[in-house]
N, C-alpha and C. Protein backbone atom coordinates (compact mmCIF):
# COMPACT_ATOMS: atom_id res chain seq x y z
N MET A 1 332.82 -104.48 -48.27
CA MET A 1 331.20 -103.91 -47.74
C MET A 1 331.90 -102.98 -46.60
N SER A 2 331.45 -101.43 -46.65
CA SER A 2 331.86 -100.87 -45.42
C SER A 2 330.93 -101.09 -44.44
N ALA A 3 331.27 -100.79 -43.13
CA ALA A 3 330.65 -100.82 -42.09
C ALA A 3 329.61 -100.09 -42.16
N LYS A 4 328.18 -99.97 -41.63
CA LYS A 4 327.08 -99.36 -41.45
C LYS A 4 327.24 -98.54 -40.18
N LYS A 5 326.45 -97.49 -40.40
CA LYS A 5 326.39 -96.37 -39.25
C LYS A 5 324.92 -96.81 -38.54
N LEU A 6 325.11 -96.62 -37.27
CA LEU A 6 324.16 -96.10 -36.33
C LEU A 6 323.80 -94.96 -35.90
N TYR A 7 322.48 -94.18 -36.20
CA TYR A 7 322.60 -92.85 -35.99
C TYR A 7 321.56 -92.61 -35.08
N THR A 8 321.54 -91.77 -34.07
CA THR A 8 320.48 -91.20 -32.98
C THR A 8 320.26 -89.78 -33.41
N VAL A 9 318.90 -89.50 -33.44
CA VAL A 9 318.69 -87.88 -34.44
C VAL A 9 317.49 -87.75 -33.59
N ASN A 10 317.22 -86.52 -33.22
CA ASN A 10 316.15 -85.88 -32.99
C ASN A 10 315.72 -85.06 -33.79
N TYR A 11 314.37 -85.08 -34.21
CA TYR A 11 313.82 -84.19 -35.06
C TYR A 11 312.28 -83.45 -35.14
N TRP A 12 312.00 -82.68 -35.83
CA TRP A 12 311.04 -81.75 -36.08
C TRP A 12 310.57 -81.74 -37.20
N LEU A 13 309.30 -82.15 -37.13
CA LEU A 13 308.53 -82.42 -38.55
C LEU A 13 307.59 -81.34 -38.99
N LYS A 14 307.36 -79.92 -39.76
CA LYS A 14 306.87 -79.00 -39.67
C LYS A 14 305.78 -79.09 -40.74
N ASN A 15 304.92 -78.35 -40.32
CA ASN A 15 303.90 -78.04 -41.53
C ASN A 15 304.57 -76.74 -42.56
N THR A 16 303.87 -76.52 -43.42
CA THR A 16 304.09 -75.63 -44.45
C THR A 16 303.57 -74.28 -44.15
N LEU A 17 303.54 -74.03 -42.70
CA LEU A 17 303.65 -72.74 -41.98
C LEU A 17 304.82 -72.84 -41.14
N GLY A 18 305.49 -73.75 -40.97
CA GLY A 18 306.74 -73.87 -40.25
C GLY A 18 306.44 -74.10 -38.71
N GLU A 19 305.10 -74.77 -38.63
CA GLU A 19 304.79 -75.06 -37.15
C GLU A 19 305.18 -76.52 -37.06
N VAL A 20 305.51 -76.89 -35.66
CA VAL A 20 305.92 -78.03 -35.49
C VAL A 20 304.82 -79.12 -35.36
N VAL A 21 304.65 -80.23 -36.11
CA VAL A 21 303.48 -80.88 -36.25
C VAL A 21 303.59 -82.31 -35.30
N ASP A 22 305.18 -82.84 -35.39
CA ASP A 22 305.57 -83.98 -34.59
C ASP A 22 306.98 -83.58 -34.21
N THR A 23 307.57 -84.04 -33.37
CA THR A 23 309.10 -83.92 -32.67
C THR A 23 309.16 -85.10 -31.85
N SER A 24 310.31 -85.13 -31.90
CA SER A 24 310.77 -86.32 -30.89
C SER A 24 311.77 -85.87 -29.64
N GLU A 25 311.75 -84.78 -29.58
CA GLU A 25 311.96 -83.68 -28.53
C GLU A 25 311.01 -84.12 -26.94
N GLY A 26 311.92 -84.49 -26.11
CA GLY A 26 311.07 -84.71 -24.87
C GLY A 26 310.57 -86.03 -24.76
N GLY A 27 311.01 -87.01 -25.98
CA GLY A 27 310.91 -88.19 -26.14
C GLY A 27 311.80 -89.28 -26.38
N GLN A 28 311.81 -89.83 -27.31
CA GLN A 28 312.58 -90.88 -27.76
C GLN A 28 313.23 -90.32 -29.04
N PRO A 29 314.50 -90.12 -29.09
CA PRO A 29 314.94 -89.80 -30.57
C PRO A 29 314.91 -91.23 -31.68
N MET A 30 314.82 -90.57 -33.01
CA MET A 30 315.11 -91.70 -33.76
C MET A 30 316.42 -92.22 -33.71
N ILE A 31 316.40 -93.55 -34.18
CA ILE A 31 317.46 -94.52 -33.83
C ILE A 31 317.26 -95.36 -34.80
N PHE A 32 318.35 -95.50 -36.00
CA PHE A 32 318.31 -96.24 -37.08
C PHE A 32 319.79 -96.58 -37.65
N VAL A 33 319.67 -97.56 -38.49
CA VAL A 33 320.88 -98.18 -39.06
C VAL A 33 320.83 -97.59 -40.70
N GLU A 34 321.73 -97.20 -41.11
CA GLU A 34 321.76 -97.11 -42.02
C GLU A 34 321.19 -97.87 -43.00
N GLY A 35 320.54 -97.42 -44.32
CA GLY A 35 319.96 -98.45 -45.18
C GLY A 35 318.67 -98.99 -44.60
N SER A 36 318.60 -98.94 -43.31
CA SER A 36 317.15 -99.33 -43.03
C SER A 36 315.99 -99.48 -43.69
N ALA A 37 315.05 -99.98 -43.83
CA ALA A 37 313.70 -99.48 -44.30
C ALA A 37 312.71 -98.95 -43.65
N LYS A 38 313.27 -98.65 -41.99
CA LYS A 38 312.52 -98.42 -41.15
C LYS A 38 312.35 -96.99 -41.20
N VAL A 39 313.17 -95.94 -41.80
CA VAL A 39 313.50 -94.62 -42.14
C VAL A 39 313.08 -94.23 -43.27
N ILE A 40 312.64 -93.30 -43.69
CA ILE A 40 312.59 -92.74 -45.09
C ILE A 40 313.80 -92.54 -45.80
N LEU A 41 314.25 -92.41 -46.64
CA LEU A 41 315.22 -92.46 -47.60
C LEU A 41 315.52 -91.25 -47.53
N GLY A 42 314.85 -90.01 -47.66
CA GLY A 42 315.01 -88.76 -47.64
C GLY A 42 316.29 -88.30 -46.19
N ILE A 43 315.50 -88.48 -44.73
CA ILE A 43 316.21 -88.60 -43.86
C ILE A 43 317.69 -89.29 -43.87
N GLN A 44 317.41 -90.45 -44.35
CA GLN A 44 318.91 -91.16 -44.43
C GLN A 44 319.96 -90.46 -45.31
N LYS A 45 319.37 -89.91 -46.34
CA LYS A 45 320.41 -89.09 -47.13
C LYS A 45 321.01 -87.78 -46.75
N ALA A 46 320.01 -87.08 -45.60
CA ALA A 46 320.22 -85.82 -45.00
C ALA A 46 321.29 -86.02 -43.85
N VAL A 47 321.55 -87.35 -43.45
CA VAL A 47 322.32 -87.41 -42.03
C VAL A 47 323.43 -88.05 -42.66
N ASN A 48 323.69 -88.69 -43.77
CA ASN A 48 324.88 -89.12 -44.18
C ASN A 48 326.13 -88.36 -44.13
N ASP A 49 327.12 -88.57 -43.84
CA ASP A 49 328.55 -88.37 -43.53
C ASP A 49 328.22 -86.64 -42.46
N ARG A 50 327.45 -86.85 -41.76
CA ARG A 50 327.28 -85.78 -40.95
C ARG A 50 327.95 -86.22 -39.40
N ASP A 51 328.25 -84.99 -38.62
CA ASP A 51 328.85 -85.47 -37.53
C ASP A 51 327.76 -85.14 -36.25
N ILE A 52 328.47 -85.76 -34.83
CA ILE A 52 327.34 -85.36 -33.51
C ILE A 52 327.29 -83.79 -33.50
N GLY A 53 326.02 -83.56 -33.13
CA GLY A 53 326.03 -81.82 -33.22
C GLY A 53 325.22 -81.17 -34.26
N ASP A 54 325.31 -81.85 -35.50
CA ASP A 54 325.03 -81.03 -36.67
C ASP A 54 323.50 -80.80 -36.44
N ARG A 55 323.27 -79.78 -37.04
CA ARG A 55 321.71 -79.37 -37.25
C ARG A 55 321.75 -79.43 -38.48
N ILE A 56 320.51 -79.82 -39.23
CA ILE A 56 320.19 -80.06 -40.39
C ILE A 56 318.55 -79.46 -40.95
N GLU A 57 318.55 -78.62 -41.86
CA GLU A 57 316.98 -78.33 -42.14
C GLU A 57 316.87 -78.76 -43.73
N VAL A 58 315.84 -79.34 -43.98
CA VAL A 58 315.93 -80.55 -44.80
C VAL A 58 314.08 -80.83 -45.44
N THR A 59 314.26 -80.22 -47.01
CA THR A 59 312.60 -80.70 -47.48
C THR A 59 313.06 -81.77 -48.15
N ILE A 60 312.00 -82.83 -47.81
CA ILE A 60 311.89 -84.18 -48.82
C ILE A 60 310.78 -84.49 -49.53
N PRO A 61 311.37 -84.75 -50.59
CA PRO A 61 310.16 -84.57 -52.00
C PRO A 61 309.71 -86.03 -51.08
N PRO A 62 308.49 -86.21 -51.99
CA PRO A 62 307.79 -87.36 -51.99
C PRO A 62 308.50 -88.78 -52.16
N SER A 63 309.24 -88.72 -53.36
CA SER A 63 309.95 -89.99 -53.84
C SER A 63 310.67 -90.30 -52.84
N LEU A 64 311.23 -89.52 -52.05
CA LEU A 64 312.16 -90.05 -51.19
C LEU A 64 311.47 -89.98 -49.50
N ALA A 65 310.21 -89.91 -49.66
CA ALA A 65 309.64 -89.94 -48.14
C ALA A 65 308.51 -91.23 -48.41
N TYR A 66 307.24 -90.71 -48.31
CA TYR A 66 306.07 -91.70 -48.67
C TYR A 66 305.65 -92.00 -49.75
N GLY A 67 306.10 -91.64 -50.83
CA GLY A 67 305.66 -91.62 -52.18
C GLY A 67 304.47 -90.76 -52.90
N GLU A 68 304.56 -90.77 -54.08
CA GLU A 68 303.43 -90.08 -54.49
C GLU A 68 301.92 -90.56 -54.11
N HIS A 69 301.08 -89.62 -54.07
CA HIS A 69 299.65 -90.19 -53.77
C HIS A 69 299.09 -90.93 -55.17
N LEU A 70 298.56 -92.04 -55.19
CA LEU A 70 298.43 -92.92 -56.12
C LEU A 70 296.72 -92.81 -56.04
N PRO A 71 296.15 -92.53 -57.18
CA PRO A 71 294.78 -92.60 -57.40
C PRO A 71 294.37 -94.08 -57.27
N GLU A 72 295.18 -95.17 -57.58
CA GLU A 72 294.98 -96.57 -57.91
C GLU A 72 294.36 -97.09 -56.40
N LEU A 73 294.95 -96.53 -55.37
CA LEU A 73 294.49 -96.78 -54.18
C LEU A 73 293.43 -96.41 -53.32
N LEU A 74 292.73 -95.64 -54.09
CA LEU A 74 291.26 -95.11 -53.89
C LEU A 74 290.38 -96.26 -54.26
N GLY A 75 289.69 -96.34 -53.41
CA GLY A 75 288.22 -97.70 -53.90
C GLY A 75 287.02 -97.23 -53.11
N GLN A 76 286.00 -97.77 -54.01
CA GLN A 76 284.32 -97.72 -53.32
C GLN A 76 284.37 -99.08 -52.57
N MET A 77 283.58 -98.99 -51.67
CA MET A 77 282.83 -100.13 -51.01
C MET A 77 281.49 -99.84 -50.68
N PRO A 78 280.22 -100.87 -50.64
CA PRO A 78 279.09 -100.64 -49.96
C PRO A 78 279.15 -100.31 -48.44
N VAL A 79 278.40 -99.48 -47.91
CA VAL A 79 278.41 -99.03 -46.59
C VAL A 79 277.87 -100.62 -45.77
N SER A 80 277.41 -101.44 -46.38
CA SER A 80 277.06 -102.84 -46.02
C SER A 80 278.39 -103.61 -45.27
N ALA A 81 279.59 -103.27 -46.31
CA ALA A 81 280.92 -103.85 -45.99
C ALA A 81 281.62 -103.52 -44.25
N PHE A 82 281.06 -102.16 -43.88
CA PHE A 82 281.45 -101.64 -42.30
C PHE A 82 280.59 -102.52 -41.35
N ASP A 83 279.84 -103.44 -41.59
CA ASP A 83 278.89 -104.13 -40.62
C ASP A 83 279.37 -103.59 -38.77
N GLY A 84 278.29 -103.29 -38.27
CA GLY A 84 278.72 -102.96 -36.92
C GLY A 84 279.09 -101.38 -36.62
N VAL A 85 279.17 -100.62 -37.58
CA VAL A 85 279.70 -99.18 -37.39
C VAL A 85 278.53 -98.36 -37.76
N PRO A 86 277.85 -97.91 -36.72
CA PRO A 86 276.35 -97.20 -36.89
C PRO A 86 276.43 -95.59 -37.58
N GLU A 87 277.53 -95.32 -37.76
CA GLU A 87 277.82 -93.99 -38.48
C GLU A 87 279.00 -93.85 -39.40
N ILE A 88 279.32 -94.20 -40.82
CA ILE A 88 280.77 -94.11 -41.42
C ILE A 88 280.98 -92.31 -41.63
N LYS A 89 281.84 -91.86 -41.18
CA LYS A 89 282.16 -90.60 -41.59
C LYS A 89 283.77 -90.06 -42.30
N PRO A 90 283.75 -89.20 -42.98
CA PRO A 90 284.98 -89.39 -43.90
C PRO A 90 286.10 -88.55 -42.68
N GLY A 91 287.03 -89.10 -42.84
CA GLY A 91 288.22 -89.09 -41.79
C GLY A 91 288.17 -90.36 -40.94
N MET A 92 287.32 -91.25 -40.79
CA MET A 92 287.54 -92.23 -40.37
C MET A 92 288.65 -93.39 -40.73
N LYS A 93 289.12 -94.11 -39.88
CA LYS A 93 290.20 -95.34 -40.26
C LYS A 93 289.77 -96.35 -39.86
N PHE A 94 289.86 -97.40 -40.91
CA PHE A 94 289.70 -98.82 -40.48
C PHE A 94 291.02 -99.48 -41.01
N GLN A 95 291.19 -100.91 -40.26
CA GLN A 95 292.39 -101.76 -40.70
C GLN A 95 291.63 -102.55 -41.71
N THR A 96 292.06 -103.08 -42.57
CA THR A 96 291.63 -104.17 -43.56
C THR A 96 292.87 -105.10 -43.22
N ASN A 97 292.09 -106.22 -44.09
CA ASN A 97 293.18 -107.38 -43.95
C ASN A 97 293.18 -108.23 -45.26
N THR A 98 293.29 -107.38 -46.68
CA THR A 98 293.17 -108.03 -47.95
C THR A 98 294.60 -108.58 -48.44
N GLY A 99 294.57 -110.03 -48.89
CA GLY A 99 295.34 -110.59 -49.52
C GLY A 99 296.48 -110.83 -48.34
N GLY A 100 295.50 -111.16 -47.33
CA GLY A 100 296.61 -111.61 -46.18
C GLY A 100 297.66 -110.63 -45.55
N GLN A 101 297.66 -109.54 -46.15
CA GLN A 101 298.36 -108.09 -45.38
C GLN A 101 297.25 -107.23 -45.14
N ALA A 102 297.55 -106.44 -43.70
CA ALA A 102 296.91 -105.70 -42.97
C ALA A 102 297.21 -104.39 -43.51
N SER A 103 296.45 -103.37 -43.86
CA SER A 103 296.81 -102.04 -43.86
C SER A 103 295.60 -101.34 -43.50
N VAL A 104 295.75 -99.93 -43.30
CA VAL A 104 294.78 -99.05 -43.01
C VAL A 104 294.29 -98.08 -44.13
N VAL A 105 293.07 -97.98 -43.97
CA VAL A 105 292.43 -97.20 -45.17
C VAL A 105 291.57 -96.07 -44.23
N LYS A 106 291.68 -94.80 -45.33
CA LYS A 106 290.76 -93.69 -44.55
C LYS A 106 289.81 -93.09 -45.66
N VAL A 107 288.71 -93.46 -44.53
CA VAL A 107 287.50 -92.98 -45.40
C VAL A 107 287.19 -91.52 -45.91
N VAL A 108 287.09 -91.26 -47.11
CA VAL A 108 287.11 -89.75 -48.01
C VAL A 108 285.95 -89.13 -47.81
N GLU A 109 284.94 -90.35 -48.39
CA GLU A 109 283.53 -89.75 -48.85
C GLU A 109 282.48 -90.96 -48.65
N VAL A 110 281.43 -90.22 -48.00
CA VAL A 110 280.19 -91.52 -48.07
C VAL A 110 279.03 -90.79 -48.72
N LYS A 111 278.51 -91.54 -49.78
CA LYS A 111 277.43 -91.29 -50.61
C LYS A 111 276.83 -92.46 -51.37
N ASP A 112 275.40 -92.02 -51.55
CA ASP A 112 274.62 -92.89 -52.14
C ASP A 112 274.90 -94.56 -52.09
N GLY A 113 275.28 -95.04 -50.43
CA GLY A 113 275.29 -96.21 -50.40
C GLY A 113 276.56 -96.58 -50.21
N GLN A 114 277.78 -96.01 -51.02
CA GLN A 114 279.09 -96.21 -51.00
C GLN A 114 279.99 -95.35 -49.96
N VAL A 115 281.18 -95.79 -50.00
CA VAL A 115 282.20 -95.20 -49.20
C VAL A 115 283.33 -95.35 -50.31
N THR A 116 284.06 -94.34 -50.39
CA THR A 116 285.30 -94.27 -51.16
C THR A 116 286.22 -93.89 -49.90
N VAL A 117 287.48 -95.21 -49.87
CA VAL A 117 288.60 -95.38 -49.06
C VAL A 117 289.78 -95.00 -49.52
N ASP A 118 290.65 -94.57 -49.16
CA ASP A 118 291.83 -94.05 -49.56
C ASP A 118 293.01 -95.12 -48.97
N ALA A 119 293.92 -95.80 -49.24
CA ALA A 119 294.85 -96.76 -48.76
C ALA A 119 296.03 -96.10 -49.11
N ASN A 120 296.40 -94.96 -49.50
CA ASN A 120 297.74 -94.29 -49.38
C ASN A 120 298.10 -94.34 -48.18
N HIS A 121 299.38 -94.21 -47.54
CA HIS A 121 300.02 -93.57 -46.73
C HIS A 121 299.22 -92.13 -46.37
N PRO A 122 299.13 -91.74 -45.21
CA PRO A 122 298.35 -90.51 -44.89
C PRO A 122 299.52 -89.23 -45.26
N LEU A 123 300.98 -89.45 -45.58
CA LEU A 123 301.66 -88.52 -45.94
C LEU A 123 302.11 -88.53 -47.36
N ALA A 124 301.74 -89.66 -47.84
CA ALA A 124 301.81 -89.77 -49.65
C ALA A 124 301.53 -88.34 -50.23
N GLY A 125 302.63 -88.27 -51.07
CA GLY A 125 302.51 -86.95 -52.23
C GLY A 125 302.82 -85.77 -51.58
N LEU A 126 303.13 -85.80 -49.92
CA LEU A 126 303.41 -84.36 -49.69
C LEU A 126 305.15 -84.65 -49.33
N SER A 127 305.52 -83.46 -49.56
CA SER A 127 307.25 -82.78 -49.13
C SER A 127 307.10 -82.55 -47.71
N LEU A 128 308.15 -83.02 -47.11
CA LEU A 128 308.15 -83.28 -45.72
C LEU A 128 309.31 -82.16 -45.40
N MET A 129 308.94 -81.36 -44.51
CA MET A 129 310.01 -79.99 -43.74
C MET A 129 310.31 -81.05 -42.87
N PHE A 130 311.98 -81.01 -42.12
CA PHE A 130 312.43 -81.37 -41.08
C PHE A 130 313.77 -80.72 -40.67
N ASP A 131 313.86 -80.46 -39.25
CA ASP A 131 314.77 -79.90 -38.42
C ASP A 131 315.45 -81.18 -38.05
N LEU A 132 316.57 -81.71 -38.36
CA LEU A 132 317.39 -82.93 -37.69
C LEU A 132 318.40 -82.32 -36.70
N GLU A 133 318.86 -82.91 -35.64
CA GLU A 133 319.89 -82.90 -34.90
C GLU A 133 320.49 -84.26 -34.52
N ILE A 134 321.73 -84.19 -35.02
CA ILE A 134 322.52 -85.55 -34.75
C ILE A 134 323.07 -85.42 -33.36
N LEU A 135 322.13 -86.67 -32.61
CA LEU A 135 322.64 -86.74 -31.15
C LEU A 135 323.81 -87.82 -30.74
N ASP A 136 323.80 -88.81 -32.00
CA ASP A 136 325.19 -89.91 -31.95
C ASP A 136 324.91 -90.38 -33.27
N VAL A 137 326.66 -90.81 -33.66
CA VAL A 137 326.76 -91.81 -34.78
C VAL A 137 328.22 -92.60 -34.57
N ARG A 138 327.67 -93.72 -34.43
CA ARG A 138 328.78 -94.87 -34.50
C ARG A 138 328.43 -95.93 -35.21
N LEU A 139 329.56 -96.71 -35.44
CA LEU A 139 329.52 -97.97 -36.48
C LEU A 139 328.30 -99.30 -35.50
N ALA A 140 327.40 -99.52 -36.64
CA ALA A 140 326.77 -100.67 -36.10
C ALA A 140 327.40 -101.62 -35.87
N GLU A 141 326.64 -102.11 -34.50
CA GLU A 141 327.17 -103.53 -33.98
C GLU A 141 326.44 -104.72 -34.69
N GLU A 142 326.57 -106.00 -34.83
CA GLU A 142 325.86 -106.95 -35.12
C GLU A 142 324.40 -107.02 -34.86
N SER A 143 324.03 -106.82 -33.33
CA SER A 143 322.89 -106.75 -32.64
C SER A 143 322.21 -105.65 -32.99
N ASP A 144 322.92 -104.40 -33.54
CA ASP A 144 321.92 -103.27 -34.15
C ASP A 144 321.09 -103.46 -35.19
N LEU A 145 321.72 -104.41 -36.36
CA LEU A 145 321.02 -104.38 -37.41
C LEU A 145 319.88 -105.06 -37.46
N ASP A 146 319.63 -105.84 -36.47
CA ASP A 146 318.08 -106.54 -36.25
C ASP A 146 317.39 -105.52 -35.61
N ALA A 147 317.36 -104.94 -34.47
CA ALA A 147 316.95 -104.05 -33.64
C ALA A 147 316.57 -102.78 -34.19
N TYR A 148 317.70 -102.16 -35.03
CA TYR A 148 317.04 -100.76 -35.82
C TYR A 148 317.22 -100.97 -37.24
């Protein structure tokens, strides 16, 4: 088995109009070991076999990002399940703890005493447009495997 690489990458995530909606510029770059589940597969594929200084423009399909938007992750709950929340509105987010696993749901609709929530990742179903800049590439050390 070949040794894994550790990548340090600046990123600019753009919307369909080409406007930057998230960036590491001026903050912490993205650091990851190839094969890590902490970074979407599309970014890992984009930087594979690239060198320090390379700039990459890539559009990542949902299958290599946060997956398709799954209708089965939409659900309805009675308003009474939101005890203590004075007014529930679309766009609000709540953390749930079902099956021993915490997840975040977004309120999509409130109607007739029922709240429709969406447990999909906020970026599910979207193609993501990134500009990437490789700042550093090196062989990962044992300590990097747990950290990144």
